Amino acid sequence: MKVYHATNHIFDALDYDSLVKNRTNHKNGALGLWCAFKNDWIKGFGNIIYEIELSGKPYNMPIRELMKYANDQLEESDYELIRNKLLSDGYDYIALIEKDNSCDMIVILNFNIVDLRRLHND
C-alpha cells in the first residue's frame, strides 16, 4: 500500500521519539505517523512530501472513535498508551474509517513495516 506524509522536517528513517518531539500542536500526533492516500491532499501540512510503502495489520478505527478521544481532551501520554496497546495487540497501523466506510488517512504505528522515500520539497 502506498501513502504520503507531509512535513517540514527531513529524515532518512522513522523514529518515534523524534516524531513526538517534532509534532504539530495536535496531541493525537503521539499515535504515530499520520499519512494520506493522496499526496495533493496533505500539502498544507508541510513542504516535504514522503512516499511510504507499507504492509501490515490495520486497526480499523471509526473516525467517531478518534473524535471521542479529542472531545475527551486526552493528553499526549493517553495517545501513547493507545498506540502501545494497539502495537501489543499486533496492529501495525490505524486505518481511519469515515462515515461512508472509506479510508483517506492512516496512522503508522509500527515503523518497521515501512519503505520511506522523499519525493520532493517545494
N, C-alpha and C. Protein backbone atom coordinates (compact mmCIF):
# COMPACT_ATOMS: atom_id res chain seq x y z
N MET A 1 0.85 -1.16 0.00
CA MET A 1 0.00 0.00 0.00
C MET A 1 0.90 1.23 0.00
N LYS A 2 0.51 2.25 -0.73
CA LYS A 2 1.28 3.48 -0.84
C LYS A 2 0.50 4.62 -0.19
N VAL A 3 1.19 5.34 0.72
CA VAL A 3 0.62 6.51 1.37
C VAL A 3 1.64 7.64 1.35
N TYR A 4 1.21 8.83 1.77
CA TYR A 4 2.07 10.00 1.73
C TYR A 4 2.03 10.73 3.07
N HIS A 5 3.17 11.33 3.41
CA HIS A 5 3.30 12.12 4.62
C HIS A 5 3.96 13.45 4.26
N ALA A 6 3.40 14.54 4.75
CA ALA A 6 3.96 15.87 4.51
C ALA A 6 4.51 16.43 5.81
N THR A 7 5.65 17.10 5.71
CA THR A 7 6.32 17.65 6.88
C THR A 7 7.25 18.77 6.44
N ASN A 8 7.80 19.46 7.40
CA ASN A 8 8.86 20.43 7.12
C ASN A 8 10.20 19.92 7.64
N HIS A 9 10.25 18.64 8.04
CA HIS A 9 11.46 18.03 8.59
C HIS A 9 12.01 17.00 7.60
N ILE A 10 13.32 16.99 7.44
CA ILE A 10 13.98 15.99 6.60
C ILE A 10 14.46 14.86 7.49
N PHE A 11 14.17 13.63 7.07
CA PHE A 11 14.64 12.46 7.81
C PHE A 11 14.85 11.30 6.86
N ASP A 12 15.71 10.36 7.27
CA ASP A 12 16.01 9.18 6.46
C ASP A 12 15.31 7.94 6.98
N ALA A 13 14.91 7.98 8.23
CA ALA A 13 14.23 6.85 8.85
C ALA A 13 13.22 7.39 9.85
N LEU A 14 12.24 6.57 10.16
CA LEU A 14 11.23 6.98 11.12
C LEU A 14 11.69 6.64 12.53
N ASP A 15 11.50 7.60 13.44
CA ASP A 15 11.88 7.44 14.82
C ASP A 15 10.77 8.03 15.68
N TYR A 16 10.18 7.21 16.53
CA TYR A 16 9.02 7.67 17.31
C TYR A 16 9.35 8.85 18.22
N ASP A 17 10.47 8.80 18.90
CA ASP A 17 10.82 9.89 19.82
C ASP A 17 10.96 11.22 19.07
N SER A 18 11.59 11.19 17.89
CA SER A 18 11.72 12.41 17.08
C SER A 18 10.37 12.87 16.57
N LEU A 19 9.53 11.92 16.21
CA LEU A 19 8.19 12.25 15.73
C LEU A 19 7.41 13.02 16.79
N VAL A 20 7.42 12.52 18.01
CA VAL A 20 6.67 13.17 19.09
C VAL A 20 7.28 14.54 19.41
N LYS A 21 8.58 14.62 19.40
CA LYS A 21 9.27 15.89 19.70
C LYS A 21 8.94 16.95 18.65
N ASN A 22 8.81 16.54 17.39
CA ASN A 22 8.61 17.49 16.30
C ASN A 22 7.16 17.59 15.84
N ARG A 23 6.24 17.01 16.57
CA ARG A 23 4.84 17.02 16.15
C ARG A 23 4.27 18.45 16.17
N THR A 24 3.15 18.60 15.49
CA THR A 24 2.46 19.89 15.50
C THR A 24 1.71 20.03 16.82
N ASN A 25 0.79 20.95 16.89
CA ASN A 25 0.04 21.20 18.12
C ASN A 25 -0.96 20.12 18.48
N HIS A 26 -1.14 19.13 17.64
CA HIS A 26 -2.15 18.11 17.88
C HIS A 26 -1.59 17.00 18.76
N LYS A 27 -2.21 16.79 19.90
CA LYS A 27 -1.76 15.75 20.82
C LYS A 27 -1.88 14.36 20.21
N ASN A 28 -2.85 14.18 19.29
CA ASN A 28 -3.01 12.86 18.68
C ASN A 28 -1.85 12.50 17.75
N GLY A 29 -0.93 13.42 17.56
CA GLY A 29 0.28 13.11 16.82
C GLY A 29 1.12 12.06 17.53
N ALA A 30 0.87 11.86 18.83
CA ALA A 30 1.58 10.84 19.59
C ALA A 30 1.13 9.42 19.24
N LEU A 31 0.06 9.30 18.45
CA LEU A 31 -0.35 7.96 18.00
C LEU A 31 0.69 7.35 17.06
N GLY A 32 1.24 8.17 16.17
CA GLY A 32 2.20 7.67 15.19
C GLY A 32 2.32 8.64 14.03
N LEU A 33 2.74 8.13 12.89
CA LEU A 33 2.95 8.97 11.71
C LEU A 33 1.66 9.03 10.89
N TRP A 34 1.12 10.22 10.77
CA TRP A 34 -0.13 10.43 10.03
C TRP A 34 0.16 10.50 8.54
N CYS A 35 -0.60 9.76 7.75
CA CYS A 35 -0.40 9.69 6.30
C CYS A 35 -1.75 9.70 5.59
N ALA A 36 -1.71 10.06 4.32
CA ALA A 36 -2.91 10.08 3.49
C ALA A 36 -2.65 9.30 2.21
N PHE A 37 -3.72 8.87 1.56
CA PHE A 37 -3.60 8.13 0.32
C PHE A 37 -3.36 9.03 -0.89
N LYS A 38 -3.66 10.32 -0.74
CA LYS A 38 -3.46 11.27 -1.84
C LYS A 38 -2.45 12.32 -1.42
N ASN A 39 -1.36 12.47 -2.19
CA ASN A 39 -0.34 13.42 -1.78
C ASN A 39 -0.75 14.87 -1.97
N ASP A 40 -1.69 15.15 -2.86
CA ASP A 40 -2.13 16.54 -3.04
C ASP A 40 -2.99 17.01 -1.87
N TRP A 41 -3.59 16.09 -1.16
CA TRP A 41 -4.47 16.42 -0.04
C TRP A 41 -3.68 16.91 1.17
N ILE A 42 -2.42 16.49 1.31
CA ILE A 42 -1.66 16.77 2.52
C ILE A 42 -0.65 17.91 2.39
N LYS A 43 -0.60 18.53 1.25
CA LYS A 43 0.43 19.56 1.01
C LYS A 43 0.41 20.68 2.04
N GLY A 44 -0.71 20.97 2.63
CA GLY A 44 -0.79 22.02 3.64
C GLY A 44 -0.10 21.67 4.95
N PHE A 45 0.31 20.43 5.11
CA PHE A 45 0.95 20.00 6.35
C PHE A 45 2.47 20.15 6.33
N GLY A 46 3.04 20.47 5.16
CA GLY A 46 4.48 20.65 5.06
C GLY A 46 4.94 20.70 3.63
N ASN A 47 6.14 21.21 3.42
CA ASN A 47 6.69 21.37 2.07
C ASN A 47 7.42 20.14 1.56
N ILE A 48 7.71 19.20 2.44
CA ILE A 48 8.45 17.99 2.06
C ILE A 48 7.48 16.82 2.07
N ILE A 49 7.37 16.14 0.94
CA ILE A 49 6.44 15.02 0.80
C ILE A 49 7.22 13.72 0.77
N TYR A 50 6.80 12.78 1.62
CA TYR A 50 7.39 11.44 1.63
C TYR A 50 6.37 10.45 1.11
N GLU A 51 6.85 9.55 0.26
CA GLU A 51 6.03 8.43 -0.21
C GLU A 51 6.43 7.22 0.63
N ILE A 52 5.46 6.53 1.14
CA ILE A 52 5.72 5.41 2.04
C ILE A 52 4.99 4.17 1.55
N GLU A 53 5.74 3.11 1.35
CA GLU A 53 5.17 1.79 1.06
C GLU A 53 5.08 1.04 2.37
N LEU A 54 3.94 0.44 2.63
CA LEU A 54 3.80 -0.33 3.85
C LEU A 54 2.86 -1.50 3.67
N SER A 55 3.01 -2.43 4.56
CA SER A 55 2.09 -3.56 4.65
C SER A 55 1.89 -3.79 6.14
N GLY A 56 1.05 -4.71 6.48
CA GLY A 56 0.86 -4.99 7.89
C GLY A 56 -0.61 -5.10 8.24
N LYS A 57 -0.85 -5.21 9.52
CA LYS A 57 -2.20 -5.43 10.03
C LYS A 57 -2.82 -4.10 10.47
N PRO A 58 -3.98 -3.75 9.89
CA PRO A 58 -4.63 -2.49 10.27
C PRO A 58 -5.58 -2.66 11.46
N TYR A 59 -5.66 -1.61 12.24
CA TYR A 59 -6.76 -1.48 13.21
C TYR A 59 -7.73 -0.49 12.57
N ASN A 60 -8.93 -0.93 12.25
CA ASN A 60 -9.92 -0.08 11.62
C ASN A 60 -10.63 0.75 12.69
N MET A 61 -10.25 2.02 12.77
CA MET A 61 -10.78 2.92 13.78
C MET A 61 -11.82 3.84 13.14
N PRO A 62 -13.08 3.73 13.54
CA PRO A 62 -14.06 4.69 13.05
C PRO A 62 -13.66 6.12 13.45
N ILE A 63 -13.86 7.05 12.56
CA ILE A 63 -13.48 8.43 12.81
C ILE A 63 -14.15 8.96 14.08
N ARG A 64 -15.34 8.45 14.39
CA ARG A 64 -16.04 8.90 15.60
C ARG A 64 -15.27 8.48 16.86
N GLU A 65 -14.53 7.37 16.81
CA GLU A 65 -13.70 6.97 17.95
C GLU A 65 -12.57 7.98 18.16
N LEU A 66 -11.95 8.39 17.08
CA LEU A 66 -10.89 9.41 17.18
C LEU A 66 -11.46 10.73 17.68
N MET A 67 -12.63 11.10 17.20
CA MET A 67 -13.27 12.34 17.63
C MET A 67 -13.62 12.29 19.12
N LYS A 68 -14.02 11.12 19.61
CA LYS A 68 -14.32 10.96 21.03
C LYS A 68 -13.07 11.22 21.86
N TYR A 69 -11.92 10.73 21.39
CA TYR A 69 -10.68 10.99 22.11
C TYR A 69 -10.42 12.49 22.19
N ALA A 70 -10.63 13.18 21.09
CA ALA A 70 -10.42 14.64 21.07
C ALA A 70 -11.40 15.33 22.00
N ASN A 71 -12.66 14.91 21.97
CA ASN A 71 -13.67 15.51 22.84
C ASN A 71 -13.39 15.24 24.32
N ASP A 72 -12.79 14.09 24.60
CA ASP A 72 -12.41 13.76 25.98
C ASP A 72 -11.16 14.50 26.42
N GLN A 73 -10.57 15.25 25.51
CA GLN A 73 -9.37 16.05 25.77
C GLN A 73 -8.23 15.21 26.33
N LEU A 74 -7.95 14.10 25.62
CA LEU A 74 -6.86 13.23 26.02
C LEU A 74 -5.52 13.96 25.94
N GLU A 75 -4.61 13.58 26.79
CA GLU A 75 -3.26 14.11 26.79
C GLU A 75 -2.37 13.28 25.87
N GLU A 76 -1.21 13.82 25.54
CA GLU A 76 -0.26 13.11 24.70
C GLU A 76 0.05 11.72 25.26
N SER A 77 0.19 11.63 26.57
CA SER A 77 0.50 10.34 27.20
C SER A 77 -0.63 9.33 27.01
N ASP A 78 -1.88 9.81 26.95
CA ASP A 78 -3.02 8.91 26.70
C ASP A 78 -2.94 8.33 25.29
N TYR A 79 -2.57 9.17 24.32
CA TYR A 79 -2.43 8.68 22.95
C TYR A 79 -1.27 7.68 22.85
N GLU A 80 -0.20 7.92 23.61
CA GLU A 80 0.91 6.97 23.63
C GLU A 80 0.45 5.62 24.18
N LEU A 81 -0.40 5.64 25.21
CA LEU A 81 -0.94 4.39 25.76
C LEU A 81 -1.80 3.65 24.73
N ILE A 82 -2.61 4.39 24.01
CA ILE A 82 -3.44 3.78 22.96
C ILE A 82 -2.54 3.15 21.90
N ARG A 83 -1.53 3.89 21.48
CA ARG A 83 -0.58 3.39 20.48
C ARG A 83 0.08 2.10 20.96
N ASN A 84 0.59 2.12 22.19
CA ASN A 84 1.29 0.95 22.72
C ASN A 84 0.36 -0.26 22.85
N LYS A 85 -0.89 -0.02 23.23
CA LYS A 85 -1.87 -1.11 23.33
C LYS A 85 -2.12 -1.73 21.96
N LEU A 86 -2.30 -0.89 20.95
CA LEU A 86 -2.54 -1.40 19.59
C LEU A 86 -1.32 -2.18 19.09
N LEU A 87 -0.13 -1.67 19.33
CA LEU A 87 1.09 -2.39 18.94
C LEU A 87 1.18 -3.74 19.65
N SER A 88 0.89 -3.76 20.94
CA SER A 88 0.97 -5.03 21.68
C SER A 88 -0.10 -6.02 21.23
N ASP A 89 -1.20 -5.50 20.68
CA ASP A 89 -2.25 -6.37 20.13
C ASP A 89 -1.93 -6.82 18.70
N GLY A 90 -0.78 -6.41 18.17
CA GLY A 90 -0.34 -6.87 16.86
C GLY A 90 -0.73 -5.99 15.68
N TYR A 91 -1.23 -4.80 15.94
CA TYR A 91 -1.61 -3.89 14.85
C TYR A 91 -0.40 -3.07 14.42
N ASP A 92 -0.31 -2.81 13.10
CA ASP A 92 0.81 -2.06 12.54
C ASP A 92 0.44 -0.62 12.19
N TYR A 93 -0.83 -0.40 11.90
CA TYR A 93 -1.28 0.96 11.58
C TYR A 93 -2.77 1.08 11.86
N ILE A 94 -3.20 2.32 12.02
CA ILE A 94 -4.61 2.64 12.20
C ILE A 94 -5.17 3.10 10.87
N ALA A 95 -6.23 2.47 10.42
CA ALA A 95 -6.96 2.94 9.24
C ALA A 95 -8.15 3.74 9.76
N LEU A 96 -8.19 5.03 9.48
CA LEU A 96 -9.28 5.89 9.94
C LEU A 96 -10.46 5.76 9.00
N ILE A 97 -11.53 5.16 9.50
CA ILE A 97 -12.71 4.84 8.68
C ILE A 97 -13.73 5.97 8.80
N GLU A 98 -14.05 6.57 7.66
CA GLU A 98 -15.02 7.66 7.61
C GLU A 98 -16.45 7.12 7.73
N LYS A 99 -17.41 8.01 7.84
CA LYS A 99 -18.82 7.62 7.99
C LYS A 99 -19.31 6.79 6.80
N ASP A 100 -18.76 7.05 5.60
CA ASP A 100 -19.19 6.30 4.41
C ASP A 100 -18.36 5.03 4.20
N ASN A 101 -17.60 4.62 5.23
CA ASN A 101 -16.72 3.44 5.22
C ASN A 101 -15.50 3.57 4.33
N SER A 102 -15.21 4.78 3.85
CA SER A 102 -13.98 4.99 3.09
C SER A 102 -12.83 5.25 4.07
N CYS A 103 -11.63 5.18 3.56
CA CYS A 103 -10.44 5.44 4.37
C CYS A 103 -9.51 6.35 3.56
N ASP A 104 -9.34 7.58 4.04
CA ASP A 104 -8.47 8.54 3.37
C ASP A 104 -7.13 8.69 4.08
N MET A 105 -7.10 8.33 5.37
CA MET A 105 -5.89 8.53 6.16
C MET A 105 -5.59 7.30 7.02
N ILE A 106 -4.29 7.16 7.30
CA ILE A 106 -3.86 6.12 8.23
C ILE A 106 -2.84 6.74 9.20
N VAL A 107 -2.61 6.05 10.29
CA VAL A 107 -1.58 6.43 11.24
C VAL A 107 -0.67 5.22 11.41
N ILE A 108 0.58 5.37 11.03
CA ILE A 108 1.53 4.26 11.13
C ILE A 108 2.00 4.14 12.57
N LEU A 109 1.83 2.95 13.13
CA LEU A 109 2.26 2.66 14.50
C LEU A 109 3.62 1.97 14.51
N ASN A 110 3.77 0.98 13.64
CA ASN A 110 4.98 0.15 13.57
C ASN A 110 5.87 0.66 12.45
N PHE A 111 6.94 1.33 12.80
CA PHE A 111 7.81 1.92 11.79
C PHE A 111 8.68 0.90 11.08
N ASN A 112 8.69 -0.35 11.54
CA ASN A 112 9.48 -1.39 10.88
C ASN A 112 8.83 -1.93 9.62
N ILE A 113 7.61 -1.53 9.32
CA ILE A 113 6.90 -2.06 8.15
C ILE A 113 6.94 -1.12 6.96
N VAL A 114 7.72 -0.05 7.04
CA VAL A 114 7.67 0.98 6.00
C VAL A 114 8.92 1.00 5.13
N ASP A 115 8.72 1.42 3.90
CA ASP A 115 9.79 1.76 2.98
C ASP A 115 9.57 3.24 2.64
N LEU A 116 10.49 4.08 3.07
CA LEU A 116 10.34 5.53 3.02
C LEU A 116 11.13 6.11 1.86
N ARG A 117 10.49 7.05 1.11
CA ARG A 117 11.18 7.72 0.01
C ARG A 117 10.70 9.17 -0.05
N ARG A 118 11.65 10.10 -0.02
CA ARG A 118 11.30 11.52 -0.13
C ARG A 118 11.04 11.84 -1.60
N LEU A 119 9.88 12.42 -1.86
CA LEU A 119 9.52 12.75 -3.24
C LEU A 119 10.13 14.06 -3.68
N HIS A 120 9.87 15.12 -2.96
CA HIS A 120 10.35 16.44 -3.34
C HIS A 120 10.10 17.40 -2.20
N ASN A 121 10.69 18.54 -2.30
CA ASN A 121 10.31 19.64 -1.42
C ASN A 121 10.11 20.86 -2.30
N ASP A 122 9.05 21.59 -1.97
CA ASP A 122 8.66 22.75 -2.76
C ASP A 122 9.36 24.00 -2.26
